Amino acid sequence: MADVISSRLIFDGGRKVIQSYTNVSDGTGDSTMIVDVGNLTPNNAGQACTNVILQKIWYNITTATFARPVQLQWNVGGGTNVNIFSLSGGDSWDFTSFGGITNSGAANASGDVMIVVPGSIVSGESVSCVTEWIKTYG
């Protein structure tokens, strides 16, 4: 059995992006780009999105025992991705009160976002999350 993965863009407007990701694991782990800024809709002035700011996240990780949590990461081309935070269990977080979580600014940061499910996940366990982002341009 292979991982059953669904990653889809729910909303892509001039200012906001809402994305969902679901993975029912085969026990091998997964790494998926959940936000590709190069493929997002430009703003009304025709400017391409260059980065995103995390505003909200809702997630549920169903595991019996989970030694390594799921990682949400900033993609760094040609280097080690930068961890935004780890996810385990289920919760929702709202970062709007302080403007959101911005990209690390690491060298070669692409603005893209990855979700990494470790190989220690057991076959049949699942990961689901919905994220809301603010787009930045320039």
Protein backbone atom coordinates (compact mmCIF):
# COMPACT_ATOMS: atom_id res chain seq x y z
CA MET A 1 0.00 0.00 0.00
CA ALA A 2 1.26 3.51 -0.78
CA ASP A 3 0.56 6.64 1.22
CA VAL A 4 -2.84 8.09 0.35
CA ILE A 5 -2.16 11.83 0.13
CA SER A 6 -4.45 14.72 -0.63
CA SER A 7 -2.94 18.20 -0.78
CA ARG A 8 -5.18 20.89 -2.19
CA LEU A 9 -5.52 24.61 -2.41
CA ILE A 10 -8.90 25.56 -0.93
CA PHE A 11 -8.62 29.30 -1.55
CA ASP A 12 -6.06 31.45 -3.40
CA GLY A 13 -6.99 35.13 -3.40
CA GLY A 14 -5.00 38.32 -3.77
CA ARG A 15 -4.11 38.38 -0.07
CA LYS A 16 -4.91 35.01 1.50
CA VAL A 17 -4.23 31.31 0.84
CA ILE A 18 -5.99 28.39 2.55
CA GLN A 19 -4.55 24.92 2.02
CA SER A 20 -5.36 21.41 3.24
CA TYR A 21 -3.23 18.27 3.54
CA THR A 22 -4.23 14.72 4.45
CA ASN A 23 -2.03 11.63 4.57
CA VAL A 24 -3.06 8.09 5.48
CA SER A 25 0.37 6.53 5.86
CA ASP A 26 1.84 3.30 4.56
CA GLY A 27 4.51 3.56 7.26
CA THR A 28 7.26 5.04 5.09
CA GLY A 29 6.85 8.76 5.82
CA ASP A 30 6.33 11.61 3.37
CA SER A 31 7.59 15.04 2.41
CA THR A 32 5.15 17.25 0.48
CA MET A 33 5.31 20.89 -0.57
CA ILE A 34 2.00 22.25 0.70
CA VAL A 35 2.55 25.86 -0.39
CA ASP A 36 4.39 26.60 -3.65
CA VAL A 37 4.53 30.41 -3.82
CA GLY A 38 5.52 30.30 -7.51
CA ASN A 39 2.18 28.71 -8.39
CA LEU A 40 -0.03 31.10 -6.40
CA THR A 41 -2.24 33.68 -8.08
CA PRO A 42 -0.57 37.10 -8.55
CA ASN A 43 -2.09 40.16 -6.88
CA ASN A 44 -4.23 42.73 -8.76
CA ALA A 45 -1.06 44.61 -9.81
CA GLY A 46 0.29 41.44 -11.44
CA GLN A 47 3.02 40.89 -8.84
CA ALA A 48 3.98 37.30 -8.09
CA CYS A 49 3.76 36.02 -4.51
CA THR A 50 7.25 35.60 -3.03
CA ASN A 51 6.47 34.46 0.50
CA VAL A 52 3.68 33.58 2.92
CA ILE A 53 3.00 34.30 6.59
CA LEU A 54 1.29 31.59 8.65
CA GLN A 55 -1.87 32.96 10.29
CA LYS A 56 -3.76 29.87 11.48
CA ILE A 57 -3.46 26.10 11.56
CA TRP A 58 -5.88 23.30 12.46
CA TYR A 59 -4.41 19.79 12.67
CA ASN A 60 -5.00 16.24 13.81
CA ILE A 61 -2.30 13.56 13.94
CA THR A 62 -3.69 10.09 14.78
CA THR A 63 -0.92 7.86 16.06
CA ALA A 64 -0.67 5.20 18.76
CA THR A 65 2.94 5.98 19.63
CA PHE A 66 4.84 8.66 17.79
CA ALA A 67 8.52 9.13 18.60
CA ARG A 68 9.03 11.88 16.00
CA PRO A 69 6.28 14.41 15.32
CA VAL A 70 5.22 15.81 11.96
CA GLN A 71 7.27 18.88 10.94
CA LEU A 72 6.03 22.03 9.21
CA GLN A 73 9.06 23.58 7.48
CA TRP A 74 10.22 26.50 5.35
CA ASN A 75 11.78 25.11 2.18
CA VAL A 76 15.45 26.03 1.67
CA GLY A 77 16.75 25.29 -1.83
CA GLY A 78 19.98 23.30 -1.72
CA GLY A 79 20.09 23.25 2.07
CA THR A 80 18.42 21.95 5.19
CA ASN A 81 14.83 23.09 5.55
CA VAL A 82 14.04 25.30 8.56
CA ASN A 83 11.52 23.90 11.02
CA ILE A 84 8.54 26.17 11.74
CA PHE A 85 7.24 23.83 14.45
CA SER A 86 6.36 20.24 15.26
CA LEU A 87 2.83 18.85 15.25
CA SER A 88 1.48 15.99 17.34
CA GLY A 89 -1.98 15.18 18.64
CA GLY A 90 -4.65 17.62 17.57
CA ASP A 91 -5.11 21.35 18.09
CA SER A 92 -5.65 24.68 16.40
CA TRP A 93 -3.43 27.72 16.68
CA ASP A 94 -4.12 31.35 15.73
CA PHE A 95 -1.12 33.64 15.24
CA THR A 96 -3.02 36.67 13.95
CA SER A 97 -2.73 38.63 17.20
CA PHE A 98 0.97 39.25 16.52
CA GLY A 99 0.98 39.26 12.71
CA GLY A 100 1.69 35.59 12.06
CA ILE A 101 4.79 33.45 11.71
CA THR A 102 7.13 34.73 9.04
CA ASN A 103 9.71 32.88 6.99
CA SER A 104 13.06 32.32 8.68
CA GLY A 105 14.95 34.33 6.07
CA ALA A 106 17.57 31.58 5.80
CA ALA A 107 19.91 31.73 2.80
CA ASN A 108 18.20 30.28 -0.30
CA ALA A 109 14.76 30.27 1.40
CA SER A 110 12.25 29.85 -1.40
CA GLY A 111 9.09 30.99 0.41
CA ASP A 112 7.63 27.51 -0.10
CA VAL A 113 6.34 25.38 2.78
CA MET A 114 6.83 21.64 3.34
CA ILE A 115 5.11 19.15 5.61
CA VAL A 116 7.29 16.21 6.62
CA VAL A 117 5.80 13.01 8.03
CA PRO A 118 8.61 10.92 9.58
CA GLY A 119 9.28 7.31 8.62
CA SER A 120 8.49 6.27 12.19
CA ILE A 121 4.75 6.65 11.52
CA VAL A 122 2.85 3.35 11.49
CA SER A 123 0.91 2.14 8.48
CA GLY A 124 -2.73 3.29 8.68
CA GLU A 125 -2.04 6.27 10.94
CA SER A 126 -3.01 9.65 9.56
CA VAL A 127 -2.10 13.32 9.41
CA SER A 128 -4.48 16.11 8.48
CA CYS A 129 -4.09 19.85 8.64
CA VAL A 130 -5.57 23.03 7.24
CA THR A 131 -3.42 26.15 7.09
CA GLU A 132 -4.25 29.81 6.44
CA TRP A 133 -1.53 32.10 5.06
CA ILE A 134 -1.15 35.77 4.12
CA LYS A 135 0.67 36.33 0.82
CA THR A 136 3.55 38.80 0.46
CA TYR A 137 4.86 40.28 -2.78
CA GLY A 138 8.09 41.79 -4.01
